[in-house]
C-alpha atoms as a PDB file:
ATOM      1  CA  MET A   1       2.282  -6.936 -39.851  1.00  0.00           C
ATOM      2  CA  SER A   2       3.523  -3.105 -39.752  1.00  0.00           C
ATOM      3  CA  PHE A   3       4.768  -1.469 -37.438  1.00  0.00           C
ATOM      4  CA  PHE A   4       2.297   0.073 -35.615  1.00  0.00           C
ATOM      5  CA  GLU A   5       0.461  -3.045 -35.260  1.00  0.00           C
ATOM      6  CA  VAL A   6       3.860  -4.469 -33.574  1.00  0.00           C
ATOM      7  CA  PHE A   7       4.205  -1.189 -30.990  1.00  0.00           C
ATOM      8  CA  LEU A   8       0.589  -1.674 -30.194  1.00  0.00           C
ATOM      9  CA  SER A   9       1.217  -5.546 -29.265  1.00  0.00           C
ATOM     10  CA  VAL A  10       4.834  -4.954 -27.449  1.00  0.00           C
ATOM     11  CA  VAL A  11       2.764  -2.438 -24.848  1.00  0.00           C
ATOM     12  CA  SER A  12       0.098  -4.169 -24.597  1.00  0.00           C
ATOM     13  CA  VAL A  13       2.632  -6.572 -23.529  1.00  0.00           C
ATOM     14  CA  VAL A  14       4.105  -4.526 -21.113  1.00  0.00           C
ATOM     15  CA  VAL A  15       1.367  -2.759 -19.561  1.00  0.00           C
ATOM     16  CA  SER A  16      -0.289  -6.119 -18.398  1.00  0.00           C
ATOM     17  CA  ALA A  17       2.521  -7.262 -17.123  1.00  0.00           C
ATOM     18  CA  SER A  18       2.741  -4.345 -15.558  1.00  0.00           C
ATOM     19  CA  GLY A  19      -0.690  -4.954 -14.174  1.00  0.00           C
ATOM     20  CA  LEU A  20      -0.373  -8.448 -12.772  1.00  0.00           C
ATOM     21  CA  PHE A  21       2.947  -6.674 -11.470  1.00  0.00           C
ATOM     22  CA  TYR A  22       2.047  -4.376  -9.657  1.00  0.00           C
ATOM     23  CA  VAL A  23      -1.385  -6.255  -7.862  1.00  0.00           C
ATOM     24  CA  HIS A  24       0.989  -8.897  -6.818  1.00  0.00           C
ATOM     25  CA  TRP A  25       2.790  -6.793  -5.123  1.00  0.00           C
ATOM     26  CA  ILE A  26      -0.347  -4.943  -3.633  1.00  0.00           C
ATOM     27  CA  VAL A  27      -1.428  -8.418  -2.679  1.00  0.00           C
ATOM     28  CA  LYS A  28       2.233  -9.715  -0.141  1.00  0.00           C
ATOM     29  CA  THR A  29       2.403  -6.729   1.079  1.00  0.00           C
ATOM     30  CA  SER A  30      -1.228  -6.377   2.319  1.00  0.00           C
ATOM     31  CA  GLY A  31      -2.053  -9.048   5.202  1.00  0.00           C
ATOM     32  CA  ARG A  32       1.029  -7.603   7.116  1.00  0.00           C
ATOM     33  CA  ASP A  33       1.357  -6.496  10.490  1.00  0.00           C
ATOM     34  CA  ARG A  34       3.067  -3.982  11.534  1.00  0.00           C
ATOM     35  CA  PRO A  35       6.057  -4.127  13.338  1.00  0.00           C
ATOM     36  CA  ASN A  36       6.164  -4.773  17.104  1.00  0.00           C
ATOM     37  CA  ASP A  37       6.830  -1.013  18.593  1.00  0.00           C
ATOM     38  CA  PRO A  38       5.663  -1.261  22.819  1.00  0.00           C
ATOM     39  CA  ALA A  39       6.671   2.470  22.616  1.00  0.00           C
ATOM     40  CA  ALA A  40       4.655   3.710  20.367  1.00  0.00           C
ATOM     41  CA  VAL A  41       1.834   1.778  22.024  1.00  0.00           C
ATOM     42  CA  LEU A  42       2.576   3.002  25.234  1.00  0.00           C
ATOM     43  CA  ARG A  43       2.734   6.967  22.858  1.00  0.00           C
ATOM     44  CA  LEU A  44      -0.817   6.414  21.151  1.00  0.00           C
ATOM     45  CA  ILE A  45      -2.042   5.168  24.743  1.00  0.00           C
ATOM     46  CA  GLU A  46      -1.080   8.733  26.315  1.00  0.00           C
ATOM     47  CA  LYS A  47      -1.672  11.014  23.158  1.00  0.00           C
ATOM     48  CA  SER A  48      -5.419   9.324  22.667  1.00  0.00           C
ATOM     49  CA  LYS A  49      -5.812   9.797  26.381  1.00  0.00           C
ATOM     50  CA  ARG A  50      -4.735  14.173  26.821  1.00  0.00           C
ATOM     51  CA  THR A  51      -7.066  13.395  23.444  1.00  0.00           C
ATOM     52  CA  SER A  52     -10.037  11.844  25.460  1.00  0.00           C
ATOM     53  CA  ALA A  53      -9.514  14.040  28.258  1.00  0.00           C
ATOM     54  CA  SER A  54      -9.397  17.513  26.026  1.00  0.00           C
ATOM     55  CA  GLN A  55     -13.090  17.048  24.274  1.00  0.00           C
ATOM     56  CA  THR A  56     -14.551  15.809  27.895  1.00  0.00           C
ATOM     57  CA  ASP A  57     -13.284  19.189  29.160  1.00  0.00           C
END
């Protein structure tokens, strides 16, 4: 095998492994729940009330 063929094979294996690792990372983190932060929830509720009140005026 020539140098180019070996290089192409190594690059193909590295790209495939990187792609599999990326898909694994996406699947692992996609179903994660958001942290429980009651203060942030209250801020979001107040912000949405102000926004909806300003839109109805």
